[in-house]
Amino acid sequence: MKLAGTFEVKITPQDTGDATLGRMSIEKQIHGDLEGTSKGEMLTAMTSVKGSAGYVAVERVTGKLAGRSGTFVLQHTGTMTRGTPNLAINVVPDSGTGDLAGITGTMTIDIADGKHSYVLEYTLGES
């Protein structure tokens, strides 16, 4: 199945003591076909080349998806090469709980005019 929606994100930087390495806590309010919240952690690495960087993040989503309640975990892996982004977001295998047990899938994120939207492609199998 494929569904879409929007989200607001609050990113809170944590002190790492290194200007090129970052750590942030993230909190999201998710709307649309998936309604809920998420909390997670993000690590970033900046380079000396403008527009090149990397990040990884893990977030636990809690909410309702197609009328089913539960949680699941998303894992982000992203790079930016001189301004060109490459991002993969996957549902962590066997991370679904409640009615979302057995969920698998991928997510894409789009940011336009400061607004965040998502598309989640998923299947709900047997756990």
PDB file of N, CA and C in Angstrom:
ATOM      1  N   MET A   1       0.837  -1.177   0.000  1.00  0.00           N
ATOM      2  CA  MET A   1       0.000   0.000   0.000  1.00  0.00           C
ATOM      3  C   MET A   1       0.884   1.242   0.000  1.00  0.00           C
ATOM      4  N   LYS A   2       0.304   2.316  -0.466  1.00  0.00           N
ATOM      5  CA  LYS A   2       1.028   3.584  -0.539  1.00  0.00           C
ATOM      6  C   LYS A   2       0.149   4.659   0.075  1.00  0.00           C
ATOM      7  N   LEU A   3       0.722   5.459   0.974  1.00  0.00           N
ATOM      8  CA  LEU A   3      -0.023   6.543   1.584  1.00  0.00           C
ATOM      9  C   LEU A   3       0.864   7.759   1.756  1.00  0.00           C
ATOM     10  N   ALA A   4       0.229   8.907   2.031  1.00  0.00           N
ATOM     11  CA  ALA A   4       0.982  10.158   2.085  1.00  0.00           C
ATOM     12  C   ALA A   4       0.426  11.076   3.164  1.00  0.00           C
ATOM     13  N   GLY A   5       1.218  12.093   3.482  1.00  0.00           N
ATOM     14  CA  GLY A   5       0.793  13.087   4.449  1.00  0.00           C
ATOM     15  C   GLY A   5       1.879  14.112   4.684  1.00  0.00           C
ATOM     16  N   THR A   6       1.722  14.848   5.766  1.00  0.00           N
ATOM     17  CA  THR A   6       2.672  15.907   6.120  1.00  0.00           C
ATOM     18  C   THR A   6       3.142  15.691   7.552  1.00  0.00           C
ATOM     19  N   PHE A   7       4.186  16.412   7.928  1.00  0.00           N
ATOM     20  CA  PHE A   7       4.631  16.371   9.317  1.00  0.00           C
ATOM     21  C   PHE A   7       5.368  17.647   9.674  1.00  0.00           C
ATOM     22  N   GLU A   8       5.335  17.955  10.980  1.00  0.00           N
ATOM     23  CA  GLU A   8       6.158  19.023  11.534  1.00  0.00           C
ATOM     24  C   GLU A   8       7.248  18.344  12.345  1.00  0.00           C
ATOM     25  N   VAL A   9       8.444  18.922  12.300  1.00  0.00           N
ATOM     26  CA  VAL A   9       9.565  18.332  13.017  1.00  0.00           C
ATOM     27  C   VAL A   9      10.220  19.376  13.914  1.00  0.00           C
ATOM     28  N   LYS A  10      10.581  18.941  15.113  1.00  0.00           N
ATOM     29  CA  LYS A  10      11.346  19.774  16.042  1.00  0.00           C
ATOM     30  C   LYS A  10      12.694  19.081  16.226  1.00  0.00           C
ATOM     31  N   ILE A  11      13.761  19.791  15.890  1.00  0.00           N
ATOM     32  CA  ILE A  11      15.115  19.251  16.015  1.00  0.00           C
ATOM     33  C   ILE A  11      15.828  20.022  17.114  1.00  0.00           C
ATOM     34  N   THR A  12      16.361  19.283  18.097  1.00  0.00           N
ATOM     35  CA  THR A  12      17.061  19.899  19.213  1.00  0.00           C
ATOM     36  C   THR A  12      18.519  19.458  19.195  1.00  0.00           C
ATOM     37  N   PRO A  13      19.451  20.375  18.850  1.00  0.00           N
ATOM     38  CA  PRO A  13      20.872  20.011  18.824  1.00  0.00           C
ATOM     39  C   PRO A  13      21.391  19.635  20.209  1.00  0.00           C
ATOM     40  N   GLN A  14      22.279  18.658  20.248  1.00  0.00           N
ATOM     41  CA  GLN A  14      22.964  18.239  21.472  1.00  0.00           C
ATOM     42  C   GLN A  14      24.441  18.599  21.294  1.00  0.00           C
ATOM     43  N   ASP A  15      25.110  18.945  22.359  1.00  0.00           N
ATOM     44  CA  ASP A  15      26.514  19.346  22.270  1.00  0.00           C
ATOM     45  C   ASP A  15      27.412  18.125  22.056  1.00  0.00           C
ATOM     46  N   THR A  16      28.215  18.155  20.983  1.00  0.00           N
ATOM     47  CA  THR A  16      29.170  17.069  20.729  1.00  0.00           C
ATOM     48  C   THR A  16      30.600  17.517  20.968  1.00  0.00           C
ATOM     49  N   GLY A  17      30.821  18.839  21.075  1.00  0.00           N
ATOM     50  CA  GLY A  17      32.175  19.343  21.243  1.00  0.00           C
ATOM     51  C   GLY A  17      32.982  19.329  19.956  1.00  0.00           C
ATOM     52  N   ASP A  18      32.324  19.053  18.822  1.00  0.00           N
ATOM     53  CA  ASP A  18      33.006  18.976  17.525  1.00  0.00           C
ATOM     54  C   ASP A  18      32.095  19.616  16.483  1.00  0.00           C
ATOM     55  N   ALA A  19      32.562  20.695  15.861  1.00  0.00           N
ATOM     56  CA  ALA A  19      31.741  21.433  14.901  1.00  0.00           C
ATOM     57  C   ALA A  19      31.392  20.613  13.660  1.00  0.00           C
ATOM     58  N   THR A  20      32.171  19.587  13.348  1.00  0.00           N
ATOM     59  CA  THR A  20      31.904  18.798  12.138  1.00  0.00           C
ATOM     60  C   THR A  20      31.011  17.590  12.401  1.00  0.00           C
ATOM     61  N   LEU A  21      30.810  17.242  13.684  1.00  0.00           N
ATOM     62  CA  LEU A  21      29.927  16.127  14.037  1.00  0.00           C
ATOM     63  C   LEU A  21      28.776  16.645  14.872  1.00  0.00           C
ATOM     64  N   GLY A  22      27.567  16.263  14.492  1.00  0.00           N
ATOM     65  CA  GLY A  22      26.402  16.735  15.231  1.00  0.00           C
ATOM     66  C   GLY A  22      25.566  15.584  15.745  1.00  0.00           C
ATOM     67  N   ARG A  23      24.829  15.870  16.800  1.00  0.00           N
ATOM     68  CA  ARG A  23      23.865  14.915  17.351  1.00  0.00           C
ATOM     69  C   ARG A  23      22.625  15.706  17.712  1.00  0.00           C
ATOM     70  N   MET A  24      21.458  15.214  17.306  1.00  0.00           N
ATOM     71  CA  MET A  24      20.212  15.927  17.546  1.00  0.00           C
ATOM     72  C   MET A  24      19.114  14.976  17.970  1.00  0.00           C
ATOM     73  N   SER A  25      18.236  15.444  18.830  1.00  0.00           N
ATOM     74  CA  SER A  25      17.014  14.699  19.110  1.00  0.00           C
ATOM     75  C   SER A  25      15.943  15.246  18.170  1.00  0.00           C
ATOM     76  N   ILE A  26      15.063  14.355  17.719  1.00  0.00           N
ATOM     77  CA  ILE A  26      14.010  14.771  16.792  1.00  0.00           C
ATOM     78  C   ILE A  26      12.654  14.332  17.335  1.00  0.00           C
ATOM     79  N   GLU A  27      11.675  15.194  17.144  1.00  0.00           N
ATOM     80  CA  GLU A  27      10.293  14.905  17.503  1.00  0.00           C
ATOM     81  C   GLU A  27       9.422  15.349  16.341  1.00  0.00           C
ATOM     82  N   LYS A  28       8.468  14.487  15.956  1.00  0.00           N
ATOM     83  CA  LYS A  28       7.588  14.805  14.829  1.00  0.00           C
ATOM     84  C   LYS A  28       6.128  14.646  15.223  1.00  0.00           C
ATOM     85  N   GLN A  29       5.312  15.489  14.616  1.00  0.00           N
ATOM     86  CA  GLN A  29       3.857  15.353  14.623  1.00  0.00           C
ATOM     87  C   GLN A  29       3.497  14.978  13.188  1.00  0.00           C
ATOM     88  N   ILE A  30       2.890  13.817  13.005  1.00  0.00           N
ATOM     89  CA  ILE A  30       2.644  13.268  11.669  1.00  0.00           C
ATOM     90  C   ILE A  30       1.144  13.318  11.380  1.00  0.00           C
ATOM     91  N   HIS A  31       0.787  13.768  10.160  1.00  0.00           N
ATOM     92  CA  HIS A  31      -0.611  13.934   9.757  1.00  0.00           C
ATOM     93  C   HIS A  31      -0.847  13.250   8.424  1.00  0.00           C
ATOM     94  N   GLY A  32      -2.098  12.945   8.166  1.00  0.00           N
ATOM     95  CA  GLY A  32      -2.460  12.345   6.884  1.00  0.00           C
ATOM     96  C   GLY A  32      -2.885  10.908   7.068  1.00  0.00           C
ATOM     97  N   ASP A  33      -2.512  10.066   6.108  1.00  0.00           N
ATOM     98  CA  ASP A  33      -2.885   8.653   6.163  1.00  0.00           C
ATOM     99  C   ASP A  33      -2.237   7.943   7.347  1.00  0.00           C
ATOM    100  N   LEU A  34      -1.120   8.458   7.820  1.00  0.00           N
ATOM    101  CA  LEU A  34      -0.481   8.015   9.057  1.00  0.00           C
ATOM    102  C   LEU A  34      -0.639   9.165  10.039  1.00  0.00           C
ATOM    103  N   GLU A  35      -1.306   8.925  11.165  1.00  0.00           N
ATOM    104  CA  GLU A  35      -1.501   9.940  12.201  1.00  0.00           C
ATOM    105  C   GLU A  35      -0.747   9.520  13.442  1.00  0.00           C
ATOM    106  N   GLY A  36       0.151  10.367  13.928  1.00  0.00           N
ATOM    107  CA  GLY A  36       0.854   9.999  15.138  1.00  0.00           C
ATOM    108  C   GLY A  36       2.010  10.915  15.450  1.00  0.00           C
ATOM    109  N   THR A  37       2.947  10.367  16.207  1.00  0.00           N
ATOM    110  CA  THR A  37       4.137  11.104  16.623  1.00  0.00           C
ATOM    111  C   THR A  37       5.354  10.214  16.430  1.00  0.00           C
ATOM    112  N   SER A  38       6.522  10.824  16.475  1.00  0.00           N
ATOM    113  CA  SER A  38       7.750  10.029  16.495  1.00  0.00           C
ATOM    114  C   SER A  38       8.789  10.752  17.336  1.00  0.00           C
ATOM    115  N   LYS A  39       9.689   9.950  17.886  1.00  0.00           N
ATOM    116  CA  LYS A  39      10.836  10.471  18.618  1.00  0.00           C
ATOM    117  C   LYS A  39      12.047   9.696  18.153  1.00  0.00           C
ATOM    118  N   GLY A  40      13.182  10.404  18.015  1.00  0.00           N
ATOM    119  CA  GLY A  40      14.379   9.720  17.566  1.00  0.00           C
ATOM    120  C   GLY A  40      15.638  10.520  17.798  1.00  0.00           C
ATOM    121  N   GLU A  41      16.711   9.982  17.254  1.00  0.00           N
ATOM    122  CA  GLU A  41      18.045  10.576  17.356  1.00  0.00           C
ATOM    123  C   GLU A  41      18.683  10.625  15.973  1.00  0.00           C
ATOM    124  N   MET A  42      19.442  11.688  15.718  1.00  0.00           N
ATOM    125  CA  MET A  42      20.128  11.878  14.444  1.00  0.00           C
ATOM    126  C   MET A  42      21.597  12.203  14.703  1.00  0.00           C
ATOM    127  N   LEU A  43      22.470  11.610  13.889  1.00  0.00           N
ATOM    128  CA  LEU A  43      23.893  11.942  13.889  1.00  0.00           C
ATOM    129  C   LEU A  43      24.243  12.517  12.530  1.00  0.00           C
ATOM    130  N   THR A  44      25.047  13.590  12.512  1.00  0.00           N
ATOM    131  CA  THR A  44      25.433  14.229  11.254  1.00  0.00           C
ATOM    132  C   THR A  44      26.947  14.386  11.174  1.00  0.00           C
ATOM    133  N   ALA A  45      27.437  14.449   9.946  1.00  0.00           N
ATOM    134  CA  ALA A  45      28.856  14.720   9.701  1.00  0.00           C
ATOM    135  C   ALA A  45      28.953  15.738   8.572  1.00  0.00           C
ATOM    136  N   MET A  46      29.618  16.847   8.846  1.00  0.00           N
ATOM    137  CA  MET A  46      29.848  17.887   7.842  1.00  0.00           C
ATOM    138  C   MET A  46      31.260  17.706   7.284  1.00  0.00           C
ATOM    139  N   THR A  47      31.457  18.162   6.053  1.00  0.00           N
ATOM    140  CA  THR A  47      32.788  18.101   5.451  1.00  0.00           C
ATOM    141  C   THR A  47      33.263  19.510   5.130  1.00  0.00           C
ATOM    142  N   SER A  48      34.494  19.616   4.666  1.00  0.00           N
ATOM    143  CA  SER A  48      35.034  20.921   4.292  1.00  0.00           C
ATOM    144  C   SER A  48      34.528  21.376   2.927  1.00  0.00           C
ATOM    145  N   VAL A  49      33.855  20.494   2.190  1.00  0.00           N
ATOM    146  CA  VAL A  49      33.305  20.837   0.877  1.00  0.00           C
ATOM    147  C   VAL A  49      31.861  21.297   1.053  1.00  0.00           C
ATOM    148  N   LYS A  50      31.567  22.513   0.591  1.00  0.00           N
ATOM    149  CA  LYS A  50      30.223  23.059   0.728  1.00  0.00           C
ATOM    150  C   LYS A  50      29.211  22.136   0.049  1.00  0.00           C
ATOM    151  N   GLY A  51      28.130  21.819   0.788  1.00  0.00           N
ATOM    152  CA  GLY A  51      27.070  20.985   0.229  1.00  0.00           C
ATOM    153  C   GLY A  51      27.311  19.494   0.337  1.00  0.00           C
ATOM    154  N   SER A  52      28.374  19.071   1.021  1.00  0.00           N
ATOM    155  CA  SER A  52      28.634  17.636   1.208  1.00  0.00           C
ATOM    156  C   SER A  52      28.562  17.303   2.695  1.00  0.00           C
ATOM    157  N   ALA A  53      27.773  16.281   3.011  1.00  0.00           N
ATOM    158  CA  ALA A  53      27.557  15.888   4.406  1.00  0.00           C
ATOM    159  C   ALA A  53      26.906  14.511   4.436  1.00  0.00           C
ATOM    160  N   GLY A  54      26.740  13.986   5.650  1.00  0.00           N
ATOM    161  CA  GLY A  54      26.053  12.715   5.819  1.00  0.00           C
ATOM    162  C   GLY A  54      25.261  12.714   7.105  1.00  0.00           C
ATOM    163  N   TYR A  55      24.223  11.862   7.149  1.00  0.00           N
ATOM    164  CA  TYR A  55      23.486  11.706   8.400  1.00  0.00           C
ATOM    165  C   TYR A  55      22.875  10.318   8.485  1.00  0.00           C
ATOM    166  N   VAL A  56      22.681   9.889   9.709  1.00  0.00           N
ATOM    167  CA  VAL A  56      21.921   8.683  10.018  1.00  0.00           C
ATOM    168  C   VAL A  56      20.949   9.053  11.128  1.00  0.00           C
ATOM    169  N   ALA A  57      19.799   8.392  11.138  1.00  0.00           N
ATOM    170  CA  ALA A  57      18.817   8.651  12.188  1.00  0.00           C
ATOM    171  C   ALA A  57      17.965   7.409  12.401  1.00  0.00           C
ATOM    172  N   VAL A  58      17.445   7.298  13.614  1.00  0.00           N
ATOM    173  CA  VAL A  58      16.506   6.243  13.964  1.00  0.00           C
ATOM    174  C   VAL A  58      15.373   6.910  14.727  1.00  0.00           C
ATOM    175  N   GLU A  59      14.130   6.593  14.344  1.00  0.00           N
ATOM    176  CA  GLU A  59      12.985   7.171  15.027  1.00  0.00           C
ATOM    177  C   GLU A  59      11.898   6.117  15.222  1.00  0.00           C
ATOM    178  N   ARG A  60      11.247   6.158  16.380  1.00  0.00           N
ATOM    179  CA  ARG A  60      10.118   5.265  16.661  1.00  0.00           C
ATOM    180  C   ARG A  60       8.834   6.042  16.405  1.00  0.00           C
ATOM    181  N   VAL A  61       8.015   5.528  15.498  1.00  0.00           N
ATOM    182  CA  VAL A  61       6.734   6.126  15.143  1.00  0.00           C
ATOM    183  C   VAL A  61       5.641   5.440  15.951  1.00  0.00           C
ATOM    184  N   THR A  62       4.791   6.242  16.570  1.00  0.00           N
ATOM    185  CA  THR A  62       3.648   5.731  17.330  1.00  0.00           C
ATOM    186  C   THR A  62       2.394   6.357  16.746  1.00  0.00           C
ATOM    187  N   GLY A  63       1.446   5.526  16.317  1.00  0.00           N
ATOM    188  CA  GLY A  63       0.242   6.114  15.752  1.00  0.00           C
ATOM    189  C   GLY A  63      -0.700   5.122  15.124  1.00  0.00           C
ATOM    190  N   LYS A  64      -1.538   5.665  14.212  1.00  0.00           N
ATOM    191  CA  LYS A  64      -2.531   4.877  13.489  1.00  0.00           C
ATOM    192  C   LYS A  64      -2.230   4.927  12.011  1.00  0.00           C
ATOM    193  N   LEU A  65      -2.230   3.754  11.406  1.00  0.00           N
ATOM    194  CA  LEU A  65      -1.964   3.597   9.981  1.00  0.00           C
ATOM    195  C   LEU A  65      -3.092   2.754   9.412  1.00  0.00           C
ATOM    196  N   ALA A  66      -3.900   3.346   8.530  1.00  0.00           N
ATOM    197  CA  ALA A  66      -5.028   2.633   7.928  1.00  0.00           C
ATOM    198  C   ALA A  66      -5.918   1.999   9.000  1.00  0.00           C
ATOM    199  N   GLY A  67      -6.167   2.731  10.089  1.00  0.00           N
ATOM    200  CA  GLY A  67      -7.029   2.253  11.150  1.00  0.00           C
ATOM    201  C   GLY A  67      -6.384   1.275  12.117  1.00  0.00           C
ATOM    202  N   ARG A  68      -5.098   0.994  11.932  1.00  0.00           N
ATOM    203  CA  ARG A  68      -4.380   0.064  12.812  1.00  0.00           C
ATOM    204  C   ARG A  68      -3.445   0.854  13.720  1.00  0.00           C
ATOM    205  N   SER A  69      -3.443   0.527  15.010  1.00  0.00           N
ATOM    206  CA  SER A  69      -2.608   1.232  15.986  1.00  0.00           C
ATOM    207  C   SER A  69      -1.380   0.417  16.336  1.00  0.00           C
ATOM    208  N   GLY A  70      -0.277   1.120  16.580  1.00  0.00           N
ATOM    209  CA  GLY A  70       0.946   0.460  17.011  1.00  0.00           C
ATOM    210  C   GLY A  70       2.142   1.356  16.818  1.00  0.00           C
ATOM    211  N   THR A  71       3.309   0.741  16.824  1.00  0.00           N
ATOM    212  CA  THR A  71       4.558   1.466  16.621  1.00  0.00           C
ATOM    213  C   THR A  71       5.408   0.732  15.597  1.00  0.00           C
ATOM    214  N   PHE A  72       6.364   1.449  15.022  1.00  0.00           N
ATOM    215  CA  PHE A  72       7.403   0.858  14.185  1.00  0.00           C
ATOM    216  C   PHE A  72       8.578   1.817  14.152  1.00  0.00           C
ATOM    217  N   VAL A  73       9.728   1.313  13.731  1.00  0.00           N
ATOM    218  CA  VAL A  73      10.950   2.109  13.728  1.00  0.00           C
ATOM    219  C   VAL A  73      11.381   2.370  12.287  1.00  0.00           C
ATOM    220  N   LEU A  74      11.778   3.624  12.023  1.00  0.00           N
ATOM    221  CA  LEU A  74      12.341   4.015  10.731  1.00  0.00           C
ATOM    222  C   LEU A  74      13.835   4.268  10.891  1.00  0.00           C
ATOM    223  N   GLN A  75      14.602   3.809   9.928  1.00  0.00           N
ATOM    224  CA  GLN A  75      16.050   4.047   9.897  1.00  0.00           C
ATOM    225  C   GLN A  75      16.368   4.889   8.659  1.00  0.00           C
ATOM    226  N   HIS A  76      17.035   6.032   8.881  1.00  0.00           N
ATOM    227  CA  HIS A  76      17.420   6.951   7.805  1.00  0.00           C
ATOM    228  C   HIS A  76      18.919   6.825   7.534  1.00  0.00           C
ATOM    229  N   THR A  77      19.291   6.852   6.274  1.00  0.00           N
ATOM    230  CA  THR A  77      20.692   6.947   5.860  1.00  0.00           C
ATOM    231  C   THR A  77      20.735   7.962   4.721  1.00  0.00           C
ATOM    232  N   GLY A  78      21.442   9.074   4.944  1.00  0.00           N
ATOM    233  CA  GLY A  78      21.455  10.118   3.930  1.00  0.00           C
ATOM    234  C   GLY A  78      22.827  10.702   3.699  1.00  0.00           C
ATOM    235  N   THR A  79      23.071  11.060   2.457  1.00  0.00           N
ATOM    236  CA  THR A  79      24.281  11.803   2.096  1.00  0.00           C
ATOM    237  C   THR A  79      23.902  12.959   1.188  1.00  0.00           C
ATOM    238  N   MET A  80      24.757  13.960   1.188  1.00  0.00           N
ATOM    239  CA  MET A  80      24.630  15.092   0.275  1.00  0.00           C
ATOM    240  C   MET A  80      25.997  15.247  -0.373  1.00  0.00           C
ATOM    241  N   THR A  81      26.038  15.127  -1.692  1.00  0.00           N
ATOM    242  CA  THR A  81      27.281  15.269  -2.439  1.00  0.00           C
ATOM    243  C   THR A  81      27.230  16.559  -3.235  1.00  0.00           C
ATOM    244  N   ARG A  82      27.930  17.578  -2.729  1.00  0.00           N
ATOM    245  CA  ARG A  82      27.964  18.900  -3.365  1.00  0.00           C
ATOM    246  C   ARG A  82      26.562  19.394  -3.731  1.00  0.00           C
ATOM    247  N   GLY A  83      25.626  19.179  -2.785  1.00  0.00           N
ATOM    248  CA  GLY A  83      24.263  19.661  -2.957  1.00  0.00           C
ATOM    249  C   GLY A  83      23.271  18.657  -3.510  1.00  0.00           C
ATOM    250  N   THR A  84      23.734  17.495  -3.964  1.00  0.00           N
ATOM    251  CA  THR A  84      22.837  16.476  -4.496  1.00  0.00           C
ATOM    252  C   THR A  84      22.520  15.457  -3.399  1.00  0.00           C
ATOM    253  N   PRO A  85      21.234  15.373  -2.987  1.00  0.00           N
ATOM    254  CA  PRO A  85      20.887  14.476  -1.883  1.00  0.00           C
ATOM    255  C   PRO A  85      20.670  13.032  -2.327  1.00  0.00           C
ATOM    256  N   ASN A  86      20.941  12.121  -1.407  1.00  0.00           N
ATOM    257  CA  ASN A  86      20.651  10.702  -1.573  1.00  0.00           C
ATOM    258  C   ASN A  86      20.154  10.217  -0.210  1.00  0.00           C
ATOM    259  N   LEU A  87      18.887   9.814  -0.132  1.00  0.00           N
ATOM    260  CA  LEU A  87      18.288   9.461   1.144  1.00  0.00           C
ATOM    261  C   LEU A  87      17.535   8.147   1.026  1.00  0.00           C
ATOM    262  N   ALA A  88      17.774   7.247   1.972  1.00  0.00           N
ATOM    263  CA  ALA A  88      17.019   5.993   2.072  1.00  0.00           C
ATOM    264  C   ALA A  88      16.428   5.923   3.474  1.00  0.00           C
ATOM    265  N   ILE A  89      15.117   5.662   3.549  1.00  0.00           N
ATOM    266  CA  ILE A  89      14.438   5.494   4.838  1.00  0.00           C
ATOM    267  C   ILE A  89      13.690   4.172   4.772  1.00  0.00           C
ATOM    268  N   ASN A  90      14.040   3.272   5.691  1.00  0.00           N
ATOM    269  CA  ASN A  90      13.456   1.932   5.705  1.00  0.00           C
ATOM    270  C   ASN A  90      12.813   1.631   7.041  1.00  0.00           C
ATOM    271  N   VAL A  91      11.729   0.860   7.013  1.00  0.00           N
ATOM    272  CA  VAL A  91      11.154   0.323   8.241  1.00  0.00           C
ATOM    273  C   VAL A  91      12.112  -0.762   8.736  1.00  0.00           C
ATOM    274  N   VAL A  92      12.525  -0.674   9.989  1.00  0.00           N
ATOM    275  CA  VAL A  92      13.423  -1.671  10.573  1.00  0.00           C
ATOM    276  C   VAL A  92      12.669  -3.008  10.662  1.00  0.00           C
ATOM    277  N   PRO A  93      13.257  -4.079  10.138  1.00  0.00           N
ATOM    278  CA  PRO A  93      12.578  -5.382  10.163  1.00  0.00           C
ATOM    279  C   PRO A  93      12.165  -5.787  11.577  1.00  0.00           C
ATOM    280  N   ASP A  94      10.953  -6.320  11.692  1.00  0.00           N
ATOM    281  CA  ASP A  94      10.409  -6.838  12.951  1.00  0.00           C
ATOM    282  C   ASP A  94      10.270  -5.785  14.043  1.00  0.00           C
ATOM    283  N   SER A  95      10.199  -4.490  13.657  1.00  0.00           N
ATOM    284  CA  SER A  95      10.054  -3.433  14.655  1.00  0.00           C
ATOM    285  C   SER A  95       8.596  -3.092  14.946  1.00  0.00           C
ATOM    286  N   GLY A  96       7.658  -3.582  14.143  1.00  0.00           N
ATOM    287  CA  GLY A  96       6.251  -3.257  14.342  1.00  0.00           C
ATOM    288  C   GLY A  96       5.673  -3.896  15.584  1.00  0.00           C
ATOM    289  N   THR A  97       4.805  -3.132  16.265  1.00  0.00           N
ATOM    290  CA  THR A  97       4.123  -3.650  17.453  1.00  0.00           C
ATOM    291  C   THR A  97       2.620  -3.445  17.292  1.00  0.00           C
ATOM    292  N   GLY A  98       1.844  -4.107  18.151  1.00  0.00           N
ATOM    293  CA  GLY A  98       0.392  -3.961  18.114  1.00  0.00           C
ATOM    294  C   GLY A  98      -0.155  -4.394  16.768  1.00  0.00           C
ATOM    295  N   ASP A  99      -1.113  -3.615  16.248  1.00  0.00           N
ATOM    296  CA  ASP A  99      -1.716  -3.921  14.956  1.00  0.00           C
ATOM    297  C   ASP A  99      -0.750  -3.725  13.787  1.00  0.00           C
ATOM    298  N   LEU A 100       0.424  -3.139  14.051  1.00  0.00           N
ATOM    299  CA  LEU A 100       1.408  -2.892  12.996  1.00  0.00           C
ATOM    300  C   LEU A 100       2.533  -3.932  13.005  1.00  0.00           C
ATOM    301  N   ALA A 101       2.370  -5.010  13.770  1.00  0.00           N
ATOM    302  CA  ALA A 101       3.356  -6.095  13.762  1.00  0.00           C
ATOM    303  C   ALA A 101       3.455  -6.650  12.346  1.00  0.00           C
ATOM    304  N   GLY A 102       4.665  -6.889  11.891  1.00  0.00           N
ATOM    305  CA  GLY A 102       4.896  -7.423  10.559  1.00  0.00           C
ATOM    306  C   GLY A 102       5.040  -6.371   9.467  1.00  0.00           C
ATOM    307  N   ILE A 103       4.994  -5.085   9.821  1.00  0.00           N
ATOM    308  CA  ILE A 103       5.107  -4.037   8.801  1.00  0.00           C
ATOM    309  C   ILE A 103       6.507  -4.038   8.175  1.00  0.00           C
ATOM    310  N   THR A 104       6.553  -3.839   6.871  1.00  0.00           N
ATOM    311  CA  THR A 104       7.796  -3.615   6.138  1.00  0.00           C
ATOM    312  C   THR A 104       7.543  -2.450   5.188  1.00  0.00           C
ATOM    313  N   GLY A 105       8.618  -1.785   4.751  1.00  0.00           N
ATOM    314  CA  GLY A 105       8.401  -0.725   3.792  1.00  0.00           C
ATOM    315  C   GLY A 105       9.496   0.307   3.745  1.00  0.00           C
ATOM    316  N   THR A 106       9.235   1.340   2.940  1.00  0.00           N
ATOM    317  CA  THR A 106      10.162   2.446   2.757  1.00  0.00           C
ATOM    318  C   THR A 106       9.384   3.756   2.790  1.00  0.00           C
ATOM    319  N   MET A 107      10.108   4.827   3.103  1.00  0.00           N
ATOM    320  CA  MET A 107       9.502   6.154   3.145  1.00  0.00           C
ATOM    321  C   MET A 107      10.356   7.113   2.334  1.00  0.00           C
ATOM    322  N   THR A 108       9.700   8.060   1.685  1.00  0.00           N
ATOM    323  CA  THR A 108      10.401   9.180   1.060  1.00  0.00           C
ATOM    324  C   THR A 108       9.898  10.458   1.726  1.00  0.00           C
ATOM    325  N   ILE A 109      10.774  11.455   1.780  1.00  0.00           N
ATOM    326  CA  ILE A 109      10.447  12.751   2.368  1.00  0.00           C
ATOM    327  C   ILE A 109      10.727  13.832   1.342  1.00  0.00           C
ATOM    328  N   ASP A 110       9.831  14.800   1.272  1.00  0.00           N
ATOM    329  CA  ASP A 110      10.013  15.953   0.394  1.00  0.00           C
ATOM    330  C   ASP A 110       9.884  17.205   1.250  1.00  0.00           C
ATOM    331  N   ILE A 111      10.780  18.149   1.037  1.00  0.00           N
ATOM    332  CA  ILE A 111      10.720  19.436   1.729  1.00  0.00           C
ATOM    333  C   ILE A 111      10.599  20.518   0.667  1.00  0.00           C
ATOM    334  N   ALA A 112       9.472  21.230   0.681  1.00  0.00           N
ATOM    335  CA  ALA A 112       9.240  22.301  -0.292  1.00  0.00           C
ATOM    336  C   ALA A 112       8.666  23.505   0.446  1.00  0.00           C
ATOM    337  N   ASP A 113       9.254  24.654   0.226  1.00  0.00           N
ATOM    338  CA  ASP A 113       8.809  25.897   0.867  1.00  0.00           C
ATOM    339  C   ASP A 113       8.716  25.751   2.385  1.00  0.00           C
ATOM    340  N   GLY A 114       9.682  25.001   2.971  1.00  0.00           N
ATOM    341  CA  GLY A 114       9.740  24.830   4.410  1.00  0.00           C
ATOM    342  C   GLY A 114       8.735  23.838   4.981  1.00  0.00           C
ATOM    343  N   LYS A 115       7.928  23.199   4.125  1.00  0.00           N
ATOM    344  CA  LYS A 115       6.936  22.232   4.586  1.00  0.00           C
ATOM    345  C   LYS A 115       7.410  20.818   4.251  1.00  0.00           C
ATOM    346  N   HIS A 116       7.208  19.889   5.212  1.00  0.00           N
ATOM    347  CA  HIS A 116       7.640  18.501   5.062  1.00  0.00           C
ATOM    348  C   HIS A 116       6.457  17.613   4.685  1.00  0.00           C
ATOM    349  N   SER A 117       6.660  16.751   3.697  1.00  0.00           N
ATOM    350  CA  SER A 117       5.656  15.751   3.358  1.00  0.00           C
ATOM    351  C   SER A 117       6.344  14.395   3.212  1.00  0.00           C
ATOM    352  N   TYR A 118       5.552  13.328   3.290  1.00  0.00           N
ATOM    353  CA  TYR A 118       6.091  11.979   3.203  1.00  0.00           C
ATOM    354  C   TYR A 118       5.211  11.110   2.318  1.00  0.00           C
ATOM    355  N   VAL A 119       5.815  10.065   1.800  1.00  0.00           N
ATOM    356  CA  VAL A 119       5.096   8.967   1.154  1.00  0.00           C
ATOM    357  C   VAL A 119       5.638   7.698   1.792  1.00  0.00           C
ATOM    358  N   LEU A 120       4.741   6.875   2.316  1.00  0.00           N
ATOM    359  CA  LEU A 120       5.113   5.606   2.928  1.00  0.00           C
ATOM    360  C   LEU A 120       4.548   4.487   2.075  1.00  0.00           C
ATOM    361  N   GLU A 121       5.431   3.638   1.573  1.00  0.00           N
ATOM    362  CA  GLU A 121       5.022   2.435   0.848  1.00  0.00           C
ATOM    363  C   GLU A 121       5.277   1.266   1.792  1.00  0.00           C
ATOM    364  N   TYR A 122       4.214   0.490   2.086  1.00  0.00           N
ATOM    365  CA  TYR A 122       4.364  -0.540   3.112  1.00  0.00           C
ATOM    366  C   TYR A 122       3.511  -1.761   2.804  1.00  0.00           C
ATOM    367  N   THR A 123       3.837  -2.837   3.471  1.00  0.00           N
ATOM    368  CA  THR A 123       2.996  -4.028   3.511  1.00  0.00           C
ATOM    369  C   THR A 123       2.891  -4.454   4.964  1.00  0.00           C
ATOM    370  N   LEU A 124       1.784  -5.069   5.297  1.00  0.00           N
ATOM    371  CA  LEU A 124       1.590  -5.617   6.631  1.00  0.00           C
ATOM    372  C   LEU A 124       1.469  -7.129   6.469  1.00  0.00           C
ATOM    373  N   GLY A 125       2.516  -7.835   6.901  1.00  0.00           N
ATOM    374  CA  GLY A 125       2.522  -9.289   6.796  1.00  0.00           C
ATOM    375  C   GLY A 125       2.324  -9.905   8.148  1.00  0.00           C
ATOM    376  N   GLU A 126       2.558 -11.195   8.183  1.00  0.00           N
ATOM    377  CA  GLU A 126       2.481 -11.923   9.442  1.00  0.00           C
ATOM    378  C   GLU A 126       3.753 -11.682  10.223  1.00  0.00           C
ATOM    379  N   SER A 127       3.653 -11.529  11.538  1.00  0.00           N
ATOM    380  CA  SER A 127       4.832 -11.318  12.384  1.00  0.00           C
ATOM    381  C   SER A 127       5.472 -12.631  12.738  1.00  0.00           C
TER     382      SER A 127
END
